[in-house]
Amino acid sequence: MVRPSRGDASPGMWRREAGTVVLRVAPPAEQVTAPFAITAGLHVPRVPTEWAPHSHARHELVWVRGGTLTSRVQDRVFTVSEGYGLWMPAGVVHGGRATAGARFYAAFFDPDRAPFTFEEPGAVAMTPLLESLLTHLSRTDLDAEARERAESVVFDVLQPSQHQFVLQLPGDPRIDAIAEALLDDPADCRSLEEWARWLGISDRTITRAFRHATGLSFAQWRQVLRVHRALMLLSEGLDVTTVSETLGYAQPSTFIASFRRVMGTTPGAFFDTAEGAPAHVRNPVSPVHDS
């Protein structure tokens, strides 16, 4: 089922862009298991695309080129930018959203044939070798021995990333409204005292609630949220000055310093590193239609 969105917000995710298409994925029982341990493919959404909450019978690894993917798993929002992938274990309910024109890659792993398991969703470093192997496995003309050799190397090199970039949502009814408002508008610069007046509670209550629910202060949590959003905007080609203004920073240098605190590097260096990997979009791949 596909339906266009009018730009409304969905709980725990960014505000939808106008024209977003929402896809509903068949439940696991209706999905056909391929005769391979790993099945890979490519999908290029022409418009912003959202996948409604669903799960898969197989483990899934997704990564993007030329855009970003966000995924919601319970009270966590993962942002997948270039250079990283997201591992989603079989049976885990998740939703996702890809920016228009992003080259969306997915590989599915048969749980019965995978010699390992990652029990939780998490970031994977998409090294050039790993991408090349998965692109190779998207071919339909590989014989059984060639496929088995490639699959064994994938299992050798597939590792969790040292950098796990995830936004923990509060999941606390006292402060959930703040989280939803900032997801809707990350540039909202209301102070802690102003949020407290808006909710009719004390600023100390907000502070304690954020610490307890997310492990971060309110200011730190908002900083992480803005960097999540910045990754999406920067991957769409916006310059640092525009992104800085969009996210409510007084000047670009403040935004760059904030980005460095969260990501450990500047926006330019982060994306230069990601873009240094080979663009496998030139290689032929089979289409994939779910996330």
C-alpha atoms as a PDB file:
ATOM      1  CA  MET A   1       0.000   0.000   0.000  1.00  0.00           C
ATOM      2  CA  VAL A   2       1.305   3.447  -0.911  1.00  0.00           C
ATOM      3  CA  ARG A   3      -0.178   6.756   0.156  1.00  0.00           C
ATOM      4  CA  PRO A   4       1.137  10.304  -0.185  1.00  0.00           C
ATOM      5  CA  SER A   5       1.763  12.369   2.937  1.00  0.00           C
ATOM      6  CA  ARG A   6       0.746  15.986   3.375  1.00  0.00           C
ATOM      7  CA  GLY A   7       3.743  16.840   5.528  1.00  0.00           C
ATOM      8  CA  ASP A   8       2.371  15.736   8.893  1.00  0.00           C
ATOM      9  CA  ALA A   9       4.553  14.554  11.740  1.00  0.00           C
ATOM     10  CA  SER A  10       4.738  10.964  12.915  1.00  0.00           C
ATOM     11  CA  PRO A  11       5.564  10.199  16.577  1.00  0.00           C
ATOM     12  CA  GLY A  12       9.269   9.991  17.268  1.00  0.00           C
ATOM     13  CA  MET A  13      10.356  10.891  13.735  1.00  0.00           C
ATOM     14  CA  TRP A  14      11.126  14.058  11.819  1.00  0.00           C
ATOM     15  CA  ARG A  15       8.332  16.003  10.179  1.00  0.00           C
ATOM     16  CA  ARG A  16       7.531  14.447   6.837  1.00  0.00           C
ATOM     17  CA  GLU A  17       8.396  16.341   3.715  1.00  0.00           C
ATOM     18  CA  ALA A  18       5.520  17.178   1.415  1.00  0.00           C
ATOM     19  CA  GLY A  19       4.998  14.416  -1.120  1.00  0.00           C
ATOM     20  CA  THR A  20       6.419  11.659   1.070  1.00  0.00           C
ATOM     21  CA  VAL A  21       5.254   8.205   0.000  1.00  0.00           C
ATOM     22  CA  VAL A  22       4.499   5.730   2.795  1.00  0.00           C
ATOM     23  CA  LEU A  23       5.104   2.054   2.014  1.00  0.00           C
ATOM     24  CA  ARG A  24       3.709  -0.853   3.972  1.00  0.00           C
ATOM     25  CA  VAL A  25       5.833  -4.002   3.993  1.00  0.00           C
ATOM     26  CA  ALA A  26       4.313  -7.485   3.974  1.00  0.00           C
ATOM     27  CA  PRO A  27       4.565  -9.274   7.342  1.00  0.00           C
ATOM     28  CA  PRO A  28       7.344 -11.877   7.688  1.00  0.00           C
ATOM     29  CA  ALA A  29       5.013 -14.826   7.140  1.00  0.00           C
ATOM     30  CA  GLU A  30       4.243 -13.529   3.648  1.00  0.00           C
ATOM     31  CA  GLN A  31       7.865 -12.991   2.635  1.00  0.00           C
ATOM     32  CA  VAL A  32       9.585 -15.548   0.463  1.00  0.00           C
ATOM     33  CA  THR A  33      12.916 -16.862   1.724  1.00  0.00           C
ATOM     34  CA  ALA A  34      15.608 -16.809  -0.976  1.00  0.00           C
ATOM     35  CA  PRO A  35      17.799 -19.870  -1.540  1.00  0.00           C
ATOM     36  CA  PHE A  36      20.928 -17.923  -0.486  1.00  0.00           C
ATOM     37  CA  ALA A  37      22.410 -16.962   2.871  1.00  0.00           C
ATOM     38  CA  ILE A  38      22.660 -13.314   1.708  1.00  0.00           C
ATOM     39  CA  THR A  39      20.403 -11.487  -0.741  1.00  0.00           C
ATOM     40  CA  ALA A  40      21.319  -7.908  -1.693  1.00  0.00           C
ATOM     41  CA  GLY A  41      19.816  -5.197  -3.864  1.00  0.00           C
ATOM     42  CA  LEU A  42      19.259  -1.504  -4.513  1.00  0.00           C
ATOM     43  CA  HIS A  43      16.264   0.831  -4.448  1.00  0.00           C
ATOM     44  CA  VAL A  44      16.356   4.516  -5.442  1.00  0.00           C
ATOM     45  CA  PRO A  45      13.291   6.416  -4.151  1.00  0.00           C
ATOM     46  CA  ARG A  46      12.330   9.202  -6.541  1.00  0.00           C
ATOM     47  CA  VAL A  47      10.530  11.015  -3.721  1.00  0.00           C
ATOM     48  CA  PRO A  48      10.958  11.048   0.072  1.00  0.00           C
ATOM     49  CA  THR A  49       9.896   7.574   1.187  1.00  0.00           C
ATOM     50  CA  GLU A  50       8.764   6.204   4.519  1.00  0.00           C
ATOM     51  CA  TRP A  51       8.353   2.566   5.496  1.00  0.00           C
ATOM     52  CA  ALA A  52       5.610   1.982   8.055  1.00  0.00           C
ATOM     53  CA  PRO A  53       6.570  -0.049  11.150  1.00  0.00           C
ATOM     54  CA  HIS A  54       7.288  -3.657  10.183  1.00  0.00           C
ATOM     55  CA  SER A  55       9.674  -6.529  10.796  1.00  0.00           C
ATOM     56  CA  HIS A  56      11.475  -9.107   8.671  1.00  0.00           C
ATOM     57  CA  ALA A  57      11.919 -12.857   8.907  1.00  0.00           C
ATOM     58  CA  ARG A  58      15.596 -12.322   8.034  1.00  0.00           C
ATOM     59  CA  HIS A  59      18.306 -10.082   9.453  1.00  0.00           C
ATOM     60  CA  GLU A  60      18.664  -6.866   7.453  1.00  0.00           C
ATOM     61  CA  LEU A  61      21.596  -4.560   6.738  1.00  0.00           C
ATOM     62  CA  VAL A  62      20.775  -1.221   5.085  1.00  0.00           C
ATOM     63  CA  TRP A  63      23.019   1.598   3.916  1.00  0.00           C
ATOM     64  CA  VAL A  64      22.668   4.637   1.672  1.00  0.00           C
ATOM     65  CA  ARG A  65      24.576   6.747  -0.811  1.00  0.00           C
ATOM     66  CA  GLY A  66      23.598  10.273  -1.783  1.00  0.00           C
ATOM     67  CA  GLY A  67      21.209  10.792   1.117  1.00  0.00           C
ATOM     68  CA  THR A  68      20.277   9.543   4.564  1.00  0.00           C
ATOM     69  CA  LEU A  69      18.011   6.987   6.170  1.00  0.00           C
ATOM     70  CA  THR A  70      16.417   7.308   9.591  1.00  0.00           C
ATOM     71  CA  SER A  71      14.937   4.356  11.430  1.00  0.00           C
ATOM     72  CA  ARG A  72      12.743   4.270  14.523  1.00  0.00           C
ATOM     73  CA  VAL A  73      13.008   1.273  16.862  1.00  0.00           C
ATOM     74  CA  GLN A  74      10.846   1.717  19.947  1.00  0.00           C
ATOM     75  CA  ASP A  75      12.314   4.745  21.763  1.00  0.00           C
ATOM     76  CA  ARG A  76      15.435   5.009  19.589  1.00  0.00           C
ATOM     77  CA  VAL A  77      16.014   6.876  16.330  1.00  0.00           C
ATOM     78  CA  PHE A  78      18.979   5.763  14.217  1.00  0.00           C
ATOM     79  CA  THR A  79      20.432   8.002  11.506  1.00  0.00           C
ATOM     80  CA  VAL A  80      22.251   6.206   8.694  1.00  0.00           C
ATOM     81  CA  SER A  81      24.571   8.447   6.700  1.00  0.00           C
ATOM     82  CA  GLU A  82      27.192   7.629   4.094  1.00  0.00           C
ATOM     83  CA  GLY A  83      29.927   5.335   5.336  1.00  0.00           C
ATOM     84  CA  TYR A  84      27.654   3.550   7.808  1.00  0.00           C
ATOM     85  CA  GLY A  85      24.998   0.883   7.687  1.00  0.00           C
ATOM     86  CA  LEU A  86      22.288  -0.202  10.102  1.00  0.00           C
ATOM     87  CA  TRP A  87      21.917  -3.815  11.186  1.00  0.00           C
ATOM     88  CA  MET A  88      18.345  -4.814  12.030  1.00  0.00           C
ATOM     89  CA  PRO A  89      17.878  -8.248  13.619  1.00  0.00           C
ATOM     90  CA  ALA A  90      15.114 -10.493  12.358  1.00  0.00           C
ATOM     91  CA  GLY A  91      11.786  -9.914  14.076  1.00  0.00           C
ATOM     92  CA  VAL A  92      12.564  -6.405  15.355  1.00  0.00           C
ATOM     93  CA  VAL A  93       9.768  -3.955  14.548  1.00  0.00           C
ATOM     94  CA  HIS A  94      11.092  -0.773  12.940  1.00  0.00           C
ATOM     95  CA  GLY A  95      10.061   2.056  10.656  1.00  0.00           C
ATOM     96  CA  GLY A  96      12.271   3.970   8.276  1.00  0.00           C
ATOM     97  CA  ARG A  97      12.502   7.053   6.120  1.00  0.00           C
ATOM     98  CA  ALA A  98      14.824   7.792   3.183  1.00  0.00           C
ATOM     99  CA  THR A  99      15.454  11.145   1.559  1.00  0.00           C
ATOM    100  CA  ALA A 100      14.490  11.615  -2.083  1.00  0.00           C
ATOM    101  CA  GLY A 101      17.029  10.242  -4.524  1.00  0.00           C
ATOM    102  CA  ALA A 102      19.039   8.360  -1.897  1.00  0.00           C
ATOM    103  CA  ARG A 103      20.530   5.150  -3.263  1.00  0.00           C
ATOM    104  CA  PHE A 104      19.115   2.729  -0.720  1.00  0.00           C
ATOM    105  CA  TYR A 105      20.914  -0.603  -0.424  1.00  0.00           C
ATOM    106  CA  ALA A 106      19.660  -3.577   1.558  1.00  0.00           C
ATOM    107  CA  ALA A 107      21.056  -7.018   2.234  1.00  0.00           C
ATOM    108  CA  PHE A 108      19.074  -9.767   3.941  1.00  0.00           C
ATOM    109  CA  PHE A 109      20.704 -12.565   5.935  1.00  0.00           C
ATOM    110  CA  ASP A 110      19.106 -15.944   6.532  1.00  0.00           C
ATOM    111  CA  PRO A 111      19.197 -16.451  10.343  1.00  0.00           C
ATOM    112  CA  ASP A 112      19.634 -20.203   9.918  1.00  0.00           C
ATOM    113  CA  ARG A 113      22.729 -19.767   7.730  1.00  0.00           C
ATOM    114  CA  ALA A 114      24.449 -16.814   9.400  1.00  0.00           C
ATOM    115  CA  PRO A 115      27.337 -18.000  11.614  1.00  0.00           C
ATOM    116  CA  PHE A 116      26.777 -15.111  14.039  1.00  0.00           C
ATOM    117  CA  THR A 117      24.026 -12.860  15.305  1.00  0.00           C
ATOM    118  CA  PHE A 118      23.825  -9.242  16.473  1.00  0.00           C
ATOM    119  CA  GLU A 119      20.936  -9.254  18.900  1.00  0.00           C
ATOM    120  CA  GLU A 120      20.345  -5.494  18.869  1.00  0.00           C
ATOM    121  CA  PRO A 121      20.032  -2.929  16.057  1.00  0.00           C
ATOM    122  CA  GLY A 122      23.260  -1.032  15.557  1.00  0.00           C
ATOM    123  CA  ALA A 123      25.591   0.773  13.202  1.00  0.00           C
ATOM    124  CA  VAL A 124      27.959  -1.145  10.944  1.00  0.00           C
ATOM    125  CA  ALA A 125      30.998   0.394   9.262  1.00  0.00           C
ATOM    126  CA  MET A 126      30.436   0.072   5.507  1.00  0.00           C
ATOM    127  CA  THR A 127      34.019  -0.463   4.456  1.00  0.00           C
ATOM    128  CA  PRO A 128      34.849  -0.531   0.729  1.00  0.00           C
ATOM    129  CA  LEU A 129      35.451  -4.286   0.997  1.00  0.00           C
ATOM    130  CA  LEU A 130      32.093  -4.972   2.629  1.00  0.00           C
ATOM    131  CA  GLU A 131      30.217  -2.838   0.093  1.00  0.00           C
ATOM    132  CA  SER A 132      32.030  -4.502  -2.800  1.00  0.00           C
ATOM    133  CA  LEU A 133      31.201  -7.970  -1.526  1.00  0.00           C
ATOM    134  CA  LEU A 134      27.521  -7.191  -1.015  1.00  0.00           C
ATOM    135  CA  THR A 135      27.318  -5.566  -4.445  1.00  0.00           C
ATOM    136  CA  HIS A 136      28.959  -8.691  -5.883  1.00  0.00           C
ATOM    137  CA  LEU A 137      26.333 -10.841  -4.147  1.00  0.00           C
ATOM    138  CA  SER A 138      23.530  -8.833  -5.758  1.00  0.00           C
ATOM    139  CA  ARG A 139      24.426 -10.453  -9.069  1.00  0.00           C
ATOM    140  CA  THR A 140      22.117 -13.193 -10.315  1.00  0.00           C
ATOM    141  CA  ASP A 141      24.713 -15.048 -12.396  1.00  0.00           C
ATOM    142  CA  LEU A 142      26.974 -16.277  -9.583  1.00  0.00           C
ATOM    143  CA  ASP A 143      27.413 -20.009  -9.272  1.00  0.00           C
ATOM    144  CA  ALA A 144      27.003 -21.665  -5.884  1.00  0.00           C
ATOM    145  CA  GLU A 145      30.718 -21.904  -5.119  1.00  0.00           C
ATOM    146  CA  ALA A 146      31.432 -18.252  -5.983  1.00  0.00           C
ATOM    147  CA  ARG A 147      28.525 -17.125  -3.849  1.00  0.00           C
ATOM    148  CA  GLU A 148      29.606 -19.269  -0.912  1.00  0.00           C
ATOM    149  CA  ARG A 149      33.135 -17.852  -1.039  1.00  0.00           C
ATOM    150  CA  ALA A 150      31.883 -14.257  -1.095  1.00  0.00           C
ATOM    151  CA  GLU A 151      29.392 -14.888   1.696  1.00  0.00           C
ATOM    152  CA  SER A 152      32.098 -16.358   3.938  1.00  0.00           C
ATOM    153  CA  VAL A 153      34.220 -13.217   3.545  1.00  0.00           C
ATOM    154  CA  VAL A 154      31.205 -10.999   4.344  1.00  0.00           C
ATOM    155  CA  PHE A 155      30.775 -12.846   7.623  1.00  0.00           C
ATOM    156  CA  ASP A 156      34.469 -12.308   8.346  1.00  0.00           C
ATOM    157  CA  VAL A 157      34.473  -8.525   7.771  1.00  0.00           C
ATOM    158  CA  LEU A 158      31.007  -7.553   9.019  1.00  0.00           C
ATOM    159  CA  GLN A 159      31.551  -5.825  12.365  1.00  0.00           C
ATOM    160  CA  PRO A 160      29.668  -3.290  14.511  1.00  0.00           C
ATOM    161  CA  SER A 161      30.928   0.259  14.123  1.00  0.00           C
ATOM    162  CA  GLN A 162      32.824   1.806  17.016  1.00  0.00           C
ATOM    163  CA  HIS A 163      30.556   4.836  16.555  1.00  0.00           C
ATOM    164  CA  GLN A 164      26.930   4.051  17.380  1.00  0.00           C
ATOM    165  CA  PHE A 165      24.917   7.142  16.472  1.00  0.00           C
ATOM    166  CA  VAL A 166      21.447   6.852  17.963  1.00  0.00           C
ATOM    167  CA  LEU A 167      19.053   9.330  19.536  1.00  0.00           C
ATOM    168  CA  GLN A 168      17.403   7.971  22.672  1.00  0.00           C
ATOM    169  CA  LEU A 169      13.877   9.348  22.991  1.00  0.00           C
ATOM    170  CA  PRO A 170      12.719  10.008  26.568  1.00  0.00           C
ATOM    171  CA  GLY A 171       9.677   7.749  26.731  1.00  0.00           C
ATOM    172  CA  ASP A 172       8.551   9.789  29.736  1.00  0.00           C
ATOM    173  CA  PRO A 173       5.082  11.393  29.545  1.00  0.00           C
ATOM    174  CA  ARG A 174       6.317  14.388  31.543  1.00  0.00           C
ATOM    175  CA  ILE A 175       8.767  15.438  28.807  1.00  0.00           C
ATOM    176  CA  ASP A 176       7.719  13.562  25.664  1.00  0.00           C
ATOM    177  CA  ALA A 177       6.011  16.714  24.391  1.00  0.00           C
ATOM    178  CA  ILE A 178       9.387  18.498  24.386  1.00  0.00           C
ATOM    179  CA  ALA A 179      10.972  15.710  22.352  1.00  0.00           C
ATOM    180  CA  GLU A 180       8.149  15.709  19.812  1.00  0.00           C
ATOM    181  CA  ALA A 181       8.243  19.509  19.485  1.00  0.00           C
ATOM    182  CA  LEU A 182      11.995  19.485  18.841  1.00  0.00           C
ATOM    183  CA  LEU A 183      11.732  16.650  16.330  1.00  0.00           C
ATOM    184  CA  ASP A 184       9.139  18.770  14.556  1.00  0.00           C
ATOM    185  CA  ASP A 185      11.309  21.892  14.761  1.00  0.00           C
ATOM    186  CA  PRO A 186      14.938  21.369  15.878  1.00  0.00           C
ATOM    187  CA  ALA A 187      15.476  25.151  15.665  1.00  0.00           C
ATOM    188  CA  ASP A 188      13.097  25.739  18.584  1.00  0.00           C
ATOM    189  CA  CYS A 189      15.374  27.644  20.979  1.00  0.00           C
ATOM    190  CA  ARG A 190      13.138  27.809  24.023  1.00  0.00           C
ATOM    191  CA  SER A 191      15.093  27.713  27.256  1.00  0.00           C
ATOM    192  CA  LEU A 192      14.624  25.114  29.957  1.00  0.00           C
ATOM    193  CA  GLU A 193      12.618  27.637  31.972  1.00  0.00           C
ATOM    194  CA  GLU A 194      10.346  28.362  28.989  1.00  0.00           C
ATOM    195  CA  TRP A 195       9.704  24.671  28.412  1.00  0.00           C
ATOM    196  CA  ALA A 196       8.894  24.292  32.102  1.00  0.00           C
ATOM    197  CA  ARG A 197       6.319  27.099  31.943  1.00  0.00           C
ATOM    198  CA  TRP A 198       4.837  25.581  28.789  1.00  0.00           C
ATOM    199  CA  LEU A 199       4.380  22.198  30.487  1.00  0.00           C
ATOM    200  CA  GLY A 200       3.446  23.576  33.891  1.00  0.00           C
ATOM    201  CA  ILE A 201       6.242  21.734  35.692  1.00  0.00           C
ATOM    202  CA  SER A 202       9.553  22.809  37.222  1.00  0.00           C
ATOM    203  CA  ASP A 203      12.759  23.055  35.224  1.00  0.00           C
ATOM    204  CA  ARG A 204      14.377  20.743  37.796  1.00  0.00           C
ATOM    205  CA  THR A 205      11.787  18.082  36.961  1.00  0.00           C
ATOM    206  CA  ILE A 206      12.660  18.367  33.260  1.00  0.00           C
ATOM    207  CA  THR A 207      16.368  18.155  34.024  1.00  0.00           C
ATOM    208  CA  ARG A 208      15.998  15.054  36.181  1.00  0.00           C
ATOM    209  CA  ALA A 209      13.641  13.404  33.700  1.00  0.00           C
ATOM    210  CA  PHE A 210      16.016  13.872  30.755  1.00  0.00           C
ATOM    211  CA  ARG A 211      18.969  12.577  32.757  1.00  0.00           C
ATOM    212  CA  HIS A 212      17.049   9.519  33.918  1.00  0.00           C
ATOM    213  CA  ALA A 213      15.524   8.685  30.516  1.00  0.00           C
ATOM    214  CA  THR A 214      18.397   9.463  28.141  1.00  0.00           C
ATOM    215  CA  GLY A 215      21.555   9.744  30.242  1.00  0.00           C
ATOM    216  CA  LEU A 216      22.022  13.293  28.922  1.00  0.00           C
ATOM    217  CA  SER A 217      21.149  16.749  30.132  1.00  0.00           C
ATOM    218  CA  PHE A 218      18.431  18.546  28.215  1.00  0.00           C
ATOM    219  CA  ALA A 219      21.017  20.747  26.475  1.00  0.00           C
ATOM    220  CA  GLN A 220      23.143  17.740  25.495  1.00  0.00           C
ATOM    221  CA  TRP A 221      20.107  15.821  24.219  1.00  0.00           C
ATOM    222  CA  ARG A 222      18.962  18.749  22.079  1.00  0.00           C
ATOM    223  CA  GLN A 223      22.500  19.061  20.721  1.00  0.00           C
ATOM    224  CA  VAL A 224      22.516  15.396  19.673  1.00  0.00           C
ATOM    225  CA  LEU A 225      19.070  15.759  18.091  1.00  0.00           C
ATOM    226  CA  ARG A 226      20.241  18.741  16.042  1.00  0.00           C
ATOM    227  CA  VAL A 227      23.290  16.861  14.801  1.00  0.00           C
ATOM    228  CA  HIS A 228      21.047  13.981  13.694  1.00  0.00           C
ATOM    229  CA  ARG A 229      19.038  16.469  11.683  1.00  0.00           C
ATOM    230  CA  ALA A 230      22.196  18.148  10.406  1.00  0.00           C
ATOM    231  CA  LEU A 231      23.408  14.860   8.921  1.00  0.00           C
ATOM    232  CA  MET A 232      20.231  14.659   6.862  1.00  0.00           C
ATOM    233  CA  LEU A 233      20.412  18.266   5.676  1.00  0.00           C
ATOM    234  CA  LEU A 234      24.116  18.133   4.831  1.00  0.00           C
ATOM    235  CA  SER A 235      23.698  14.893   2.888  1.00  0.00           C
ATOM    236  CA  GLU A 236      21.046  16.621   0.780  1.00  0.00           C
ATOM    237  CA  GLY A 237      23.631  19.183  -0.331  1.00  0.00           C
ATOM    238  CA  LEU A 238      22.870  22.112   1.975  1.00  0.00           C
ATOM    239  CA  ASP A 239      25.902  24.160   2.981  1.00  0.00           C
ATOM    240  CA  VAL A 240      27.028  24.584   6.581  1.00  0.00           C
ATOM    241  CA  THR A 241      25.735  28.158   6.846  1.00  0.00           C
ATOM    242  CA  THR A 242      22.239  27.163   5.700  1.00  0.00           C
ATOM    243  CA  VAL A 243      22.161  24.154   8.011  1.00  0.00           C
ATOM    244  CA  SER A 244      23.345  26.297  10.901  1.00  0.00           C
ATOM    245  CA  GLU A 245      20.520  28.788  10.331  1.00  0.00           C
ATOM    246  CA  THR A 246      17.945  26.023   9.825  1.00  0.00           C
ATOM    247  CA  LEU A 247      18.837  24.458  13.158  1.00  0.00           C
ATOM    248  CA  GLY A 248      18.709  27.725  15.083  1.00  0.00           C
ATOM    249  CA  TYR A 249      22.413  28.389  15.648  1.00  0.00           C
ATOM    250  CA  ALA A 250      23.501  32.019  15.905  1.00  0.00           C
ATOM    251  CA  GLN A 251      26.513  31.461  13.647  1.00  0.00           C
ATOM    252  CA  PRO A 252      28.119  28.606  11.663  1.00  0.00           C
ATOM    253  CA  SER A 253      31.123  28.348  13.997  1.00  0.00           C
ATOM    254  CA  THR A 254      28.784  27.480  16.882  1.00  0.00           C
ATOM    255  CA  PHE A 255      27.163  24.757  14.823  1.00  0.00           C
ATOM    256  CA  ILE A 256      30.534  23.340  13.736  1.00  0.00           C
ATOM    257  CA  ALA A 257      31.722  23.224  17.349  1.00  0.00           C
ATOM    258  CA  SER A 258      28.505  21.451  18.365  1.00  0.00           C
ATOM    259  CA  PHE A 259      28.868  18.934  15.534  1.00  0.00           C
ATOM    260  CA  ARG A 260      32.469  18.244  16.567  1.00  0.00           C
ATOM    261  CA  ARG A 261      31.458  17.623  20.202  1.00  0.00           C
ATOM    262  CA  VAL A 262      28.926  14.995  19.151  1.00  0.00           C
ATOM    263  CA  MET A 263      30.660  13.394  16.151  1.00  0.00           C
ATOM    264  CA  GLY A 264      34.322  13.948  17.045  1.00  0.00           C
ATOM    265  CA  THR A 265      35.037  15.759  13.782  1.00  0.00           C
ATOM    266  CA  THR A 266      33.806  18.691  11.686  1.00  0.00           C
ATOM    267  CA  PRO A 267      30.967  18.340   9.158  1.00  0.00           C
ATOM    268  CA  GLY A 268      33.378  18.756   6.260  1.00  0.00           C
ATOM    269  CA  ALA A 269      35.788  16.113   7.504  1.00  0.00           C
ATOM    270  CA  PHE A 270      32.956  13.709   8.300  1.00  0.00           C
ATOM    271  CA  PHE A 271      31.482  13.837   4.809  1.00  0.00           C
ATOM    272  CA  ASP A 272      34.870  13.901   3.085  1.00  0.00           C
ATOM    273  CA  THR A 273      35.636  10.579   4.765  1.00  0.00           C
ATOM    274  CA  ALA A 274      32.286   9.106   3.750  1.00  0.00           C
ATOM    275  CA  GLU A 275      32.614  10.265   0.159  1.00  0.00           C
ATOM    276  CA  GLY A 276      36.060   8.699  -0.104  1.00  0.00           C
ATOM    277  CA  ALA A 277      34.529   5.234  -0.374  1.00  0.00           C
ATOM    278  CA  PRO A 278      33.887   3.903  -3.887  1.00  0.00           C
ATOM    279  CA  ALA A 279      30.475   4.619  -5.424  1.00  0.00           C
ATOM    280  CA  HIS A 280      29.124   1.169  -6.154  1.00  0.00           C
ATOM    281  CA  VAL A 281      26.078   2.648  -7.816  1.00  0.00           C
ATOM    282  CA  ARG A 282      28.011   2.201 -11.067  1.00  0.00           C
ATOM    283  CA  ASN A 283      27.828  -1.562 -10.650  1.00  0.00           C
ATOM    284  CA  PRO A 284      24.713  -3.488 -11.717  1.00  0.00           C
ATOM    285  CA  VAL A 285      22.538  -4.536  -8.804  1.00  0.00           C
ATOM    286  CA  SER A 286      19.160  -6.154  -8.435  1.00  0.00           C
ATOM    287  CA  PRO A 287      16.215  -4.074  -7.160  1.00  0.00           C
ATOM    288  CA  VAL A 288      15.034  -4.409  -3.582  1.00  0.00           C
ATOM    289  CA  HIS A 289      11.590  -3.239  -2.513  1.00  0.00           C
ATOM    290  CA  ASP A 290      11.445  -3.479   1.283  1.00  0.00           C
ATOM    291  CA  SER A 291      13.445  -2.006   4.157  1.00  0.00           C
END
